[in-house]
Amino acid sequence: MLSDEMLRILACPKCKGSLEYKKEKDELVCNSCRLIYKIKDDIPVMLIDEAESF
């Protein structure tokens, strides 16, 4: 689980916009870019090439 402080400073690497934390799926979502960034072992994978579209 990500800390509140970490969630406040993280931004989408593509558009620099805010991210929404989906706790039940353990992922970060950028609604502007329509990308999903997975969280593996409590570490967000913030690589655009590894993000999933929705």
Protein backbone atom coordinates (compact mmCIF):
# COMPACT_ATOMS: atom_id res chain seq x y z
CA MET A 1 0.00 0.00 0.00
CA LEU A 2 1.27 3.45 -0.91
CA SER A 3 1.55 6.16 1.69
CA ASP A 4 -0.53 9.33 1.44
CA GLU A 5 2.67 11.36 1.04
CA MET A 6 3.79 9.23 -1.92
CA LEU A 7 0.39 9.56 -3.57
CA ARG A 8 0.52 13.35 -3.25
CA ILE A 9 3.86 13.66 -5.07
CA LEU A 10 3.36 11.08 -7.85
CA ALA A 11 2.29 12.37 -11.25
CA CYS A 12 1.71 10.79 -14.63
CA PRO A 13 5.07 10.62 -16.43
CA LYS A 14 3.39 11.29 -19.78
CA CYS A 15 1.20 14.35 -19.09
CA LYS A 16 2.40 15.29 -15.58
CA GLY A 17 -1.24 15.16 -14.45
CA SER A 18 -2.68 13.71 -11.27
CA LEU A 19 -3.13 9.98 -10.69
CA GLU A 20 -6.01 8.16 -9.05
CA TYR A 21 -5.08 5.30 -6.74
CA LYS A 22 -7.22 2.19 -7.23
CA LYS A 23 -6.61 0.38 -3.95
CA GLU A 24 -8.62 -2.74 -4.80
CA LYS A 25 -6.57 -3.36 -7.98
CA ASP A 26 -3.30 -1.88 -6.63
CA GLU A 27 -2.77 0.45 -9.56
CA LEU A 28 -2.50 4.12 -10.44
CA VAL A 29 -4.75 5.54 -13.16
CA CYS A 30 -4.28 8.64 -15.29
CA ASN A 31 -7.72 9.56 -16.63
CA SER A 32 -6.27 12.21 -18.99
CA CYS A 33 -3.93 9.80 -20.82
CA ARG A 34 -6.17 6.79 -20.14
CA LEU A 35 -3.20 4.82 -18.82
CA ILE A 36 -2.89 2.39 -15.91
CA TYR A 37 0.38 2.09 -13.99
CA LYS A 38 0.73 -1.15 -12.03
CA ILE A 39 2.19 -1.33 -8.52
CA LYS A 40 4.51 -4.29 -7.92
CA ASP A 41 5.82 -5.11 -4.44
CA ASP A 42 4.62 -1.68 -3.19
CA ILE A 43 6.64 0.09 -5.93
CA PRO A 44 4.79 1.98 -8.69
CA VAL A 45 6.03 1.09 -12.17
CA MET A 46 5.96 4.55 -13.74
CA LEU A 47 7.29 3.63 -17.18
CA ILE A 48 5.10 4.79 -20.06
CA ASP A 49 6.08 1.74 -22.14
CA GLU A 50 4.82 -0.61 -19.42
CA ALA A 51 1.56 1.23 -18.76
CA GLU A 52 -1.71 -0.31 -19.95
CA SER A 53 -4.39 1.58 -21.87
CA PHE A 54 -8.06 1.50 -20.91
